[in-house]
Amino acid sequence: MPALWIAHVTVTDEDAYKKYAAGATVAIADHGGTFIARGGRYVQLEGTDRPRNVVARFPDVETAERCYHSDAYQAALAYARGASERELLIVETTE
């Protein structure tokens, strides 16, 4: 089943986060991920408001997890640490 990688982010250091985004984009694509939402307009209904929201579709949960743990993504993630507050989850879709 396909899976969605969903991130809710508050960026605190734009320059460092741009480096993260560049590396993460490559790592996600290399694992068959495609972005279906990246930033853009949103409506916060409940929970913690994070002004940057990203959704990527992967072939399955396992591939999304492999992407997260890959050397390429972890190298990119080093730029996001200290440059953002974030929540990230992977959820299997029903279709």
PDB file of N, CA and C in Angstrom:
ATOM      1  N   MET A   1       0.843  -1.181   0.000  1.00  0.00           N
ATOM      2  CA  MET A   1       0.000   0.000   0.000  1.00  0.00           C
ATOM      3  C   MET A   1       0.886   1.241   0.000  1.00  0.00           C
ATOM      4  N   PRO A   2       0.505   2.264  -0.760  1.00  0.00           N
ATOM      5  CA  PRO A   2       1.268   3.520  -0.722  1.00  0.00           C
ATOM      6  C   PRO A   2       1.258   4.122   0.683  1.00  0.00           C
ATOM      7  N   ALA A   3       2.216   4.993   0.927  1.00  0.00           N
ATOM      8  CA  ALA A   3       2.336   5.633   2.223  1.00  0.00           C
ATOM      9  C   ALA A   3       2.620   7.118   2.035  1.00  0.00           C
ATOM     10  N   LEU A   4       2.177   7.898   2.995  1.00  0.00           N
ATOM     11  CA  LEU A   4       2.428   9.339   2.990  1.00  0.00           C
ATOM     12  C   LEU A   4       3.400   9.681   4.104  1.00  0.00           C
ATOM     13  N   TRP A   5       4.350  10.516   3.777  1.00  0.00           N
ATOM     14  CA  TRP A   5       5.325  11.074   4.716  1.00  0.00           C
ATOM     15  C   TRP A   5       4.806  12.479   4.972  1.00  0.00           C
ATOM     16  N   ILE A   6       4.445  12.776   6.197  1.00  0.00           N
ATOM     17  CA  ILE A   6       3.811  14.054   6.524  1.00  0.00           C
ATOM     18  C   ILE A   6       4.665  14.782   7.551  1.00  0.00           C
ATOM     19  N   ALA A   7       5.088  15.985   7.193  1.00  0.00           N
ATOM     20  CA  ALA A   7       5.921  16.792   8.088  1.00  0.00           C
ATOM     21  C   ALA A   7       5.238  18.120   8.368  1.00  0.00           C
ATOM     22  N   HIS A   8       5.279  18.522   9.620  1.00  0.00           N
ATOM     23  CA  HIS A   8       4.785  19.825  10.059  1.00  0.00           C
ATOM     24  C   HIS A   8       5.988  20.544  10.650  1.00  0.00           C
ATOM     25  N   VAL A   9       6.306  21.738  10.129  1.00  0.00           N
ATOM     26  CA  VAL A   9       7.590  22.360  10.443  1.00  0.00           C
ATOM     27  C   VAL A   9       7.447  23.847  10.740  1.00  0.00           C
ATOM     28  N   THR A  10       8.191  24.299  11.748  1.00  0.00           N
ATOM     29  CA  THR A  10       8.442  25.711  11.978  1.00  0.00           C
ATOM     30  C   THR A  10       9.926  25.916  11.736  1.00  0.00           C
ATOM     31  N   VAL A  11      10.272  26.694  10.742  1.00  0.00           N
ATOM     32  CA  VAL A  11      11.675  26.954  10.401  1.00  0.00           C
ATOM     33  C   VAL A  11      12.186  28.093  11.266  1.00  0.00           C
ATOM     34  N   THR A  12      13.345  27.877  11.899  1.00  0.00           N
ATOM     35  CA  THR A  12      13.946  28.906  12.746  1.00  0.00           C
ATOM     36  C   THR A  12      15.243  29.462  12.162  1.00  0.00           C
ATOM     37  N   ASP A  13      15.801  28.791  11.155  1.00  0.00           N
ATOM     38  CA  ASP A  13      17.011  29.247  10.465  1.00  0.00           C
ATOM     39  C   ASP A  13      16.836  28.941   8.981  1.00  0.00           C
ATOM     40  N   GLU A  14      16.412  29.940   8.214  1.00  0.00           N
ATOM     41  CA  GLU A  14      16.086  29.753   6.796  1.00  0.00           C
ATOM     42  C   GLU A  14      17.271  29.231   5.984  1.00  0.00           C
ATOM     43  N   ASP A  15      18.461  29.776   6.202  1.00  0.00           N
ATOM     44  CA  ASP A  15      19.625  29.365   5.405  1.00  0.00           C
ATOM     45  C   ASP A  15      19.955  27.891   5.615  1.00  0.00           C
ATOM     46  N   ALA A  16      20.017  27.460   6.852  1.00  0.00           N
ATOM     47  CA  ALA A  16      20.307  26.054   7.131  1.00  0.00           C
ATOM     48  C   ALA A  16      19.187  25.161   6.611  1.00  0.00           C
ATOM     49  N   TYR A  17      17.958  25.610   6.746  1.00  0.00           N
ATOM     50  CA  TYR A  17      16.836  24.772   6.322  1.00  0.00           C
ATOM     51  C   TYR A  17      16.805  24.606   4.806  1.00  0.00           C
ATOM     52  N   LYS A  18      17.250  25.602   4.080  1.00  0.00           N
ATOM     53  CA  LYS A  18      17.333  25.468   2.613  1.00  0.00           C
ATOM     54  C   LYS A  18      18.295  24.347   2.240  1.00  0.00           C
ATOM     55  N   LYS A  19      19.390  24.213   2.989  1.00  0.00           N
ATOM     56  CA  LYS A  19      20.344  23.124   2.730  1.00  0.00           C
ATOM     57  C   LYS A  19      19.682  21.780   3.027  1.00  0.00           C
ATOM     58  N   TYR A  20      18.914  21.717   4.110  1.00  0.00           N
ATOM     59  CA  TYR A  20      18.171  20.496   4.415  1.00  0.00           C
ATOM     60  C   TYR A  20      17.220  20.163   3.259  1.00  0.00           C
ATOM     61  N   ALA A  21      16.439  21.138   2.834  1.00  0.00           N
ATOM     62  CA  ALA A  21      15.424  20.900   1.796  1.00  0.00           C
ATOM     63  C   ALA A  21      16.055  20.396   0.504  1.00  0.00           C
ATOM     64  N   ALA A  22      17.190  20.947   0.135  1.00  0.00           N
ATOM     65  CA  ALA A  22      17.858  20.512  -1.096  1.00  0.00           C
ATOM     66  C   ALA A  22      18.264  19.039  -0.990  1.00  0.00           C
ATOM     67  N   GLY A  23      18.889  18.672   0.107  1.00  0.00           N
ATOM     68  CA  GLY A  23      19.315  17.287   0.287  1.00  0.00           C
ATOM     69  C   GLY A  23      18.158  16.328   0.466  1.00  0.00           C
ATOM     70  N   ALA A  24      17.145  16.756   1.197  1.00  0.00           N
ATOM     71  CA  ALA A  24      15.982  15.902   1.434  1.00  0.00           C
ATOM     72  C   ALA A  24      15.231  15.635   0.131  1.00  0.00           C
ATOM     73  N   THR A  25      15.145  16.639  -0.722  1.00  0.00           N
ATOM     74  CA  THR A  25      14.457  16.477  -2.009  1.00  0.00           C
ATOM     75  C   THR A  25      15.096  15.358  -2.821  1.00  0.00           C
ATOM     76  N   VAL A  26      16.415  15.338  -2.858  1.00  0.00           N
ATOM     77  CA  VAL A  26      17.132  14.304  -3.605  1.00  0.00           C
ATOM     78  C   VAL A  26      16.914  12.934  -2.963  1.00  0.00           C
ATOM     79  N   ALA A  27      17.052  12.853  -1.645  1.00  0.00           N
ATOM     80  CA  ALA A  27      16.885  11.573  -0.951  1.00  0.00           C
ATOM     81  C   ALA A  27      15.478  11.021  -1.153  1.00  0.00           C
ATOM     82  N   ILE A  28      14.488  11.871  -1.066  1.00  0.00           N
ATOM     83  CA  ILE A  28      13.099  11.436  -1.240  1.00  0.00           C
ATOM     84  C   ILE A  28      12.884  10.928  -2.664  1.00  0.00           C
ATOM     85  N   ALA A  29      13.350  11.674  -3.657  1.00  0.00           N
ATOM     86  CA  ALA A  29      13.205  11.245  -5.057  1.00  0.00           C
ATOM     87  C   ALA A  29      13.936   9.929  -5.302  1.00  0.00           C
ATOM     88  N   ASP A  30      15.116   9.771  -4.721  1.00  0.00           N
ATOM     89  CA  ASP A  30      15.895   8.545  -4.900  1.00  0.00           C
ATOM     90  C   ASP A  30      15.193   7.318  -4.324  1.00  0.00           C
ATOM     91  N   HIS A  31      14.237   7.529  -3.432  1.00  0.00           N
ATOM     92  CA  HIS A  31      13.478   6.429  -2.840  1.00  0.00           C
ATOM     93  C   HIS A  31      12.063   6.326  -3.423  1.00  0.00           C
ATOM     94  N   GLY A  32      11.851   6.950  -4.568  1.00  0.00           N
ATOM     95  CA  GLY A  32      10.554   6.852  -5.237  1.00  0.00           C
ATOM     96  C   GLY A  32       9.489   7.752  -4.662  1.00  0.00           C
ATOM     97  N   GLY A  33       9.883   8.700  -3.807  1.00  0.00           N
ATOM     98  CA  GLY A  33       8.922   9.622  -3.221  1.00  0.00           C
ATOM     99  C   GLY A  33       8.610  10.781  -4.156  1.00  0.00           C
ATOM    100  N   THR A  34       7.366  11.221  -4.128  1.00  0.00           N
ATOM    101  CA  THR A  34       6.948  12.391  -4.904  1.00  0.00           C
ATOM    102  C   THR A  34       6.181  13.328  -3.979  1.00  0.00           C
ATOM    103  N   PHE A  35       6.431  14.605  -4.125  1.00  0.00           N
ATOM    104  CA  PHE A  35       5.745  15.582  -3.286  1.00  0.00           C
ATOM    105  C   PHE A  35       4.338  15.831  -3.808  1.00  0.00           C
ATOM    106  N   ILE A  36       3.378  15.820  -2.887  1.00  0.00           N
ATOM    107  CA  ILE A  36       2.012  16.175  -3.268  1.00  0.00           C
ATOM    108  C   ILE A  36       1.573  17.461  -2.578  1.00  0.00           C
ATOM    109  N   ALA A  37       2.315  17.886  -1.568  1.00  0.00           N
ATOM    110  CA  ALA A  37       2.097  19.194  -0.937  1.00  0.00           C
ATOM    111  C   ALA A  37       3.431  19.625  -0.342  1.00  0.00           C
ATOM    112  N   ARG A  38       3.767  20.886  -0.563  1.00  0.00           N
ATOM    113  CA  ARG A  38       5.044  21.392  -0.071  1.00  0.00           C
ATOM    114  C   ARG A  38       4.869  22.871   0.228  1.00  0.00           C
ATOM    115  N   GLY A  39       4.642  23.167   1.507  1.00  0.00           N
ATOM    116  CA  GLY A  39       4.315  24.547   1.836  1.00  0.00           C
ATOM    117  C   GLY A  39       2.891  24.809   1.386  1.00  0.00           C
ATOM    118  N   GLY A  40       2.633  25.996   0.957  1.00  0.00           N
ATOM    119  CA  GLY A  40       1.315  26.314   0.431  1.00  0.00           C
ATOM    120  C   GLY A  40       0.306  26.666   1.512  1.00  0.00           C
ATOM    121  N   ARG A  41      -0.849  27.017   1.046  1.00  0.00           N
ATOM    122  CA  ARG A  41      -1.945  27.444   1.923  1.00  0.00           C
ATOM    123  C   ARG A  41      -2.446  26.281   2.772  1.00  0.00           C
ATOM    124  N   TYR A  42      -2.765  26.564   4.012  1.00  0.00           N
ATOM    125  CA  TYR A  42      -3.302  25.547   4.907  1.00  0.00           C
ATOM    126  C   TYR A  42      -4.238  26.205   5.914  1.00  0.00           C
ATOM    127  N   VAL A  43      -5.051  25.397   6.563  1.00  0.00           N
ATOM    128  CA  VAL A  43      -5.948  25.854   7.623  1.00  0.00           C
ATOM    129  C   VAL A  43      -5.670  24.988   8.843  1.00  0.00           C
ATOM    130  N   GLN A  44      -5.239  25.590   9.931  1.00  0.00           N
ATOM    131  CA  GLN A  44      -4.958  24.862  11.169  1.00  0.00           C
ATOM    132  C   GLN A  44      -6.254  24.740  11.954  1.00  0.00           C
ATOM    133  N   LEU A  45      -6.709  23.538  12.187  1.00  0.00           N
ATOM    134  CA  LEU A  45      -7.954  23.323  12.912  1.00  0.00           C
ATOM    135  C   LEU A  45      -7.716  22.870  14.354  1.00  0.00           C
ATOM    136  N   GLU A  46      -6.665  22.095  14.583  1.00  0.00           N
ATOM    137  CA  GLU A  46      -6.351  21.608  15.930  1.00  0.00           C
ATOM    138  C   GLU A  46      -4.846  21.449  16.051  1.00  0.00           C
ATOM    139  N   GLY A  47      -4.373  21.367  17.279  1.00  0.00           N
ATOM    140  CA  GLY A  47      -2.973  21.053  17.523  1.00  0.00           C
ATOM    141  C   GLY A  47      -2.033  22.229  17.322  1.00  0.00           C
ATOM    142  N   THR A  48      -0.747  21.901  17.264  1.00  0.00           N
ATOM    143  CA  THR A  48       0.307  22.897  17.140  1.00  0.00           C
ATOM    144  C   THR A  48       0.378  23.437  15.720  1.00  0.00           C
ATOM    145  N   ASP A  49       0.324  24.737  15.592  1.00  0.00           N
ATOM    146  CA  ASP A  49       0.424  25.373  14.270  1.00  0.00           C
ATOM    147  C   ASP A  49       1.874  25.360  13.806  1.00  0.00           C
ATOM    148  N   ARG A  50       2.136  24.770  12.665  1.00  0.00           N
ATOM    149  CA  ARG A  50       3.444  24.772  12.017  1.00  0.00           C
ATOM    150  C   ARG A  50       3.240  25.345  10.621  1.00  0.00           C
ATOM    151  N   PRO A  51       3.873  26.457  10.312  1.00  0.00           N
ATOM    152  CA  PRO A  51       3.582  27.139   9.045  1.00  0.00           C
ATOM    153  C   PRO A  51       4.070  26.435   7.788  1.00  0.00           C
ATOM    154  N   ARG A  52       4.900  25.410   7.899  1.00  0.00           N
ATOM    155  CA  ARG A  52       5.338  24.671   6.709  1.00  0.00           C
ATOM    156  C   ARG A  52       4.863  23.239   6.856  1.00  0.00           C
ATOM    157  N   ASN A  53       4.108  22.787   5.881  1.00  0.00           N
ATOM    158  CA  ASN A  53       3.551  21.438   5.893  1.00  0.00           C
ATOM    159  C   ASN A  53       3.908  20.756   4.580  1.00  0.00           C
ATOM    160  N   VAL A  54       4.464  19.555   4.685  1.00  0.00           N
ATOM    161  CA  VAL A  54       4.949  18.840   3.507  1.00  0.00           C
ATOM    162  C   VAL A  54       4.376  17.435   3.521  1.00  0.00           C
ATOM    163  N   VAL A  55       3.915  16.993   2.353  1.00  0.00           N
ATOM    164  CA  VAL A  55       3.413  15.631   2.195  1.00  0.00           C
ATOM    165  C   VAL A  55       4.075  15.029   0.965  1.00  0.00           C
ATOM    166  N   ALA A  56       4.687  13.862   1.141  1.00  0.00           N
ATOM    167  CA  ALA A  56       5.278  13.127   0.023  1.00  0.00           C
ATOM    168  C   ALA A  56       4.671  11.733  -0.005  1.00  0.00           C
ATOM    169  N   ARG A  57       4.449  11.236  -1.205  1.00  0.00           N
ATOM    170  CA  ARG A  57       3.904   9.880  -1.379  1.00  0.00           C
ATOM    171  C   ARG A  57       5.055   8.934  -1.722  1.00  0.00           C
ATOM    172  N   PHE A  58       5.061   7.782  -1.052  1.00  0.00           N
ATOM    173  CA  PHE A  58       6.047   6.732  -1.304  1.00  0.00           C
ATOM    174  C   PHE A  58       5.317   5.456  -1.705  1.00  0.00           C
ATOM    175  N   PRO A  59       6.039   4.518  -2.319  1.00  0.00           N
ATOM    176  CA  PRO A  59       5.391   3.259  -2.714  1.00  0.00           C
ATOM    177  C   PRO A  59       4.815   2.480  -1.534  1.00  0.00           C
ATOM    178  N   ASP A  60       5.459   2.568  -0.362  1.00  0.00           N
ATOM    179  CA  ASP A  60       4.980   1.843   0.819  1.00  0.00           C
ATOM    180  C   ASP A  60       5.681   2.391   2.057  1.00  0.00           C
ATOM    181  N   VAL A  61       5.209   1.969   3.219  1.00  0.00           N
ATOM    182  CA  VAL A  61       5.761   2.439   4.494  1.00  0.00           C
ATOM    183  C   VAL A  61       7.248   2.090   4.602  1.00  0.00           C
ATOM    184  N   GLU A  62       7.607   0.880   4.203  1.00  0.00           N
ATOM    185  CA  GLU A  62       8.991   0.437   4.344  1.00  0.00           C
ATOM    186  C   GLU A  62       9.953   1.297   3.528  1.00  0.00           C
ATOM    187  N   THR A  63       9.548   1.670   2.322  1.00  0.00           N
ATOM    188  CA  THR A  63      10.402   2.518   1.497  1.00  0.00           C
ATOM    189  C   THR A  63      10.544   3.902   2.115  1.00  0.00           C
ATOM    190  N   ALA A  64       9.459   4.435   2.654  1.00  0.00           N
ATOM    191  CA  ALA A  64       9.530   5.743   3.316  1.00  0.00           C
ATOM    192  C   ALA A  64      10.458   5.684   4.522  1.00  0.00           C
ATOM    193  N   GLU A  65      10.392   4.592   5.287  1.00  0.00           N
ATOM    194  CA  GLU A  65      11.293   4.427   6.436  1.00  0.00           C
ATOM    195  C   GLU A  65      12.742   4.298   5.989  1.00  0.00           C
ATOM    196  N   ARG A  66      12.978   3.533   4.912  1.00  0.00           N
ATOM    197  CA  ARG A  66      14.346   3.402   4.398  1.00  0.00           C
ATOM    198  C   ARG A  66      14.885   4.753   3.968  1.00  0.00           C
ATOM    199  N   CYS A  67      14.041   5.568   3.370  1.00  0.00           N
ATOM    200  CA  CYS A  67      14.452   6.910   2.982  1.00  0.00           C
ATOM    201  C   CYS A  67      14.893   7.696   4.208  1.00  0.00           C
ATOM    202  N   TYR A  68      14.076   7.687   5.246  1.00  0.00           N
ATOM    203  CA  TYR A  68      14.393   8.445   6.456  1.00  0.00           C
ATOM    204  C   TYR A  68      15.736   8.012   7.038  1.00  0.00           C
ATOM    205  N   HIS A  69      15.988   6.726   7.057  1.00  0.00           N
ATOM    206  CA  HIS A  69      17.212   6.204   7.673  1.00  0.00           C
ATOM    207  C   HIS A  69      18.410   6.179   6.717  1.00  0.00           C
ATOM    208  N   SER A  70      18.196   6.570   5.464  1.00  0.00           N
ATOM    209  CA  SER A  70      19.288   6.539   4.487  1.00  0.00           C
ATOM    210  C   SER A  70      20.376   7.548   4.844  1.00  0.00           C
ATOM    211  N   ASP A  71      21.577   7.263   4.400  1.00  0.00           N
ATOM    212  CA  ASP A  71      22.695   8.174   4.635  1.00  0.00           C
ATOM    213  C   ASP A  71      22.410   9.551   4.034  1.00  0.00           C
ATOM    214  N   ALA A  72      21.811   9.568   2.842  1.00  0.00           N
ATOM    215  CA  ALA A  72      21.543  10.846   2.172  1.00  0.00           C
ATOM    216  C   ALA A  72      20.555  11.693   2.964  1.00  0.00           C
ATOM    217  N   TYR A  73      19.480  11.070   3.445  1.00  0.00           N
ATOM    218  CA  TYR A  73      18.496  11.845   4.205  1.00  0.00           C
ATOM    219  C   TYR A  73      19.066  12.274   5.553  1.00  0.00           C
ATOM    220  N   GLN A  74      19.785  11.411   6.220  1.00  0.00           N
ATOM    221  CA  GLN A  74      20.361  11.767   7.509  1.00  0.00           C
ATOM    222  C   GLN A  74      21.368  12.906   7.375  1.00  0.00           C
ATOM    223  N   ALA A  75      22.115  12.935   6.274  1.00  0.00           N
ATOM    224  CA  ALA A  75      23.039  14.052   6.028  1.00  0.00           C
ATOM    225  C   ALA A  75      22.262  15.349   5.863  1.00  0.00           C
ATOM    226  N   ALA A  76      21.154  15.288   5.142  1.00  0.00           N
ATOM    227  CA  ALA A  76      20.314  16.481   4.971  1.00  0.00           C
ATOM    228  C   ALA A  76      19.695  16.891   6.299  1.00  0.00           C
ATOM    229  N   LEU A  77      19.233  15.911   7.064  1.00  0.00           N
ATOM    230  CA  LEU A  77      18.563  16.177   8.326  1.00  0.00           C
ATOM    231  C   LEU A  77      19.472  16.904   9.320  1.00  0.00           C
ATOM    232  N   ALA A  78      20.754  16.707   9.207  1.00  0.00           N
ATOM    233  CA  ALA A  78      21.696  17.404  10.088  1.00  0.00           C
ATOM    234  C   ALA A  78      21.529  18.917   9.976  1.00  0.00           C
ATOM    235  N   TYR A  79      21.152  19.415   8.800  1.00  0.00           N
ATOM    236  CA  TYR A  79      20.915  20.850   8.621  1.00  0.00           C
ATOM    237  C   TYR A  79      19.615  21.310   9.272  1.00  0.00           C
ATOM    238  N   ALA A  80      18.626  20.425   9.348  1.00  0.00           N
ATOM    239  CA  ALA A  80      17.327  20.797   9.915  1.00  0.00           C
ATOM    240  C   ALA A  80      17.367  20.845  11.439  1.00  0.00           C
ATOM    241  N   ARG A  81      18.226  20.010  12.024  1.00  0.00           N
ATOM    242  CA  ARG A  81      18.336  20.006  13.489  1.00  0.00           C
ATOM    243  C   ARG A  81      18.902  21.344  13.938  1.00  0.00           C
ATOM    244  N   GLY A  82      18.237  21.987  14.848  1.00  0.00           N
ATOM    245  CA  GLY A  82      18.668  23.300  15.301  1.00  0.00           C
ATOM    246  C   GLY A  82      18.191  24.425  14.400  1.00  0.00           C
ATOM    247  N   ALA A  83      17.614  24.073  13.250  1.00  0.00           N
ATOM    248  CA  ALA A  83      17.116  25.078  12.310  1.00  0.00           C
ATOM    249  C   ALA A  83      15.605  24.995  12.163  1.00  0.00           C
ATOM    250  N   SER A  84      14.990  24.087  12.937  1.00  0.00           N
ATOM    251  CA  SER A  84      13.548  23.911  12.811  1.00  0.00           C
ATOM    252  C   SER A  84      13.000  23.153  14.017  1.00  0.00           C
ATOM    253  N   GLU A  85      11.698  23.309  14.192  1.00  0.00           N
ATOM    254  CA  GLU A  85      10.927  22.471  15.117  1.00  0.00           C
ATOM    255  C   GLU A  85       9.980  21.693  14.224  1.00  0.00           C
ATOM    256  N   ARG A  86       9.936  20.377  14.386  1.00  0.00           N
ATOM    257  CA  ARG A  86       9.191  19.581  13.419  1.00  0.00           C
ATOM    258  C   ARG A  86       8.579  18.329  14.015  1.00  0.00           C
ATOM    259  N   GLU A  87       7.546  17.888  13.368  1.00  0.00           N
ATOM    260  CA  GLU A  87       6.964  16.578  13.600  1.00  0.00           C
ATOM    261  C   GLU A  87       6.950  15.882  12.240  1.00  0.00           C
ATOM    262  N   LEU A  88       7.239  14.604  12.234  1.00  0.00           N
ATOM    263  CA  LEU A  88       7.265  13.839  10.985  1.00  0.00           C
ATOM    264  C   LEU A  88       6.657  12.474  11.256  1.00  0.00           C
ATOM    265  N   LEU A  89       5.774  12.045  10.382  1.00  0.00           N
ATOM    266  CA  LEU A  89       5.197  10.710  10.507  1.00  0.00           C
ATOM    267  C   LEU A  89       4.984  10.114   9.136  1.00  0.00           C
ATOM    268  N   ILE A  90       4.857   8.805   9.138  1.00  0.00           N
ATOM    269  CA  ILE A  90       4.545   8.060   7.919  1.00  0.00           C
ATOM    270  C   ILE A  90       3.240   7.328   8.177  1.00  0.00           C
ATOM    271  N   VAL A  91       2.317   7.422   7.240  1.00  0.00           N
ATOM    272  CA  VAL A  91       1.024   6.755   7.392  1.00  0.00           C
ATOM    273  C   VAL A  91       0.695   6.015   6.092  1.00  0.00           C
ATOM    274  N   GLU A  92       0.245   4.782   6.245  1.00  0.00           N
ATOM    275  CA  GLU A  92      -0.171   4.003   5.092  1.00  0.00           C
ATOM    276  C   GLU A  92      -1.503   4.509   4.577  1.00  0.00           C
ATOM    277  N   THR A  93      -1.663   4.569   3.269  1.00  0.00           N
ATOM    278  CA  THR A  93      -2.931   5.008   2.696  1.00  0.00           C
ATOM    279  C   THR A  93      -3.850   3.810   2.480  1.00  0.00           C
ATOM    280  N   THR A  94      -5.077   4.080   2.145  1.00  0.00           N
ATOM    281  CA  THR A  94      -6.045   3.004   1.917  1.00  0.00           C
ATOM    282  C   THR A  94      -6.197   2.695   0.445  1.00  0.00           C
ATOM    283  N   GLU A  95      -5.469   3.395  -0.409  1.00  0.00           N
ATOM    284  CA  GLU A  95      -5.583   3.123  -1.852  1.00  0.00           C
ATOM    285  C   GLU A  95      -4.252   2.960  -2.496  1.00  0.00           C
TER     286      GLU A  95
END
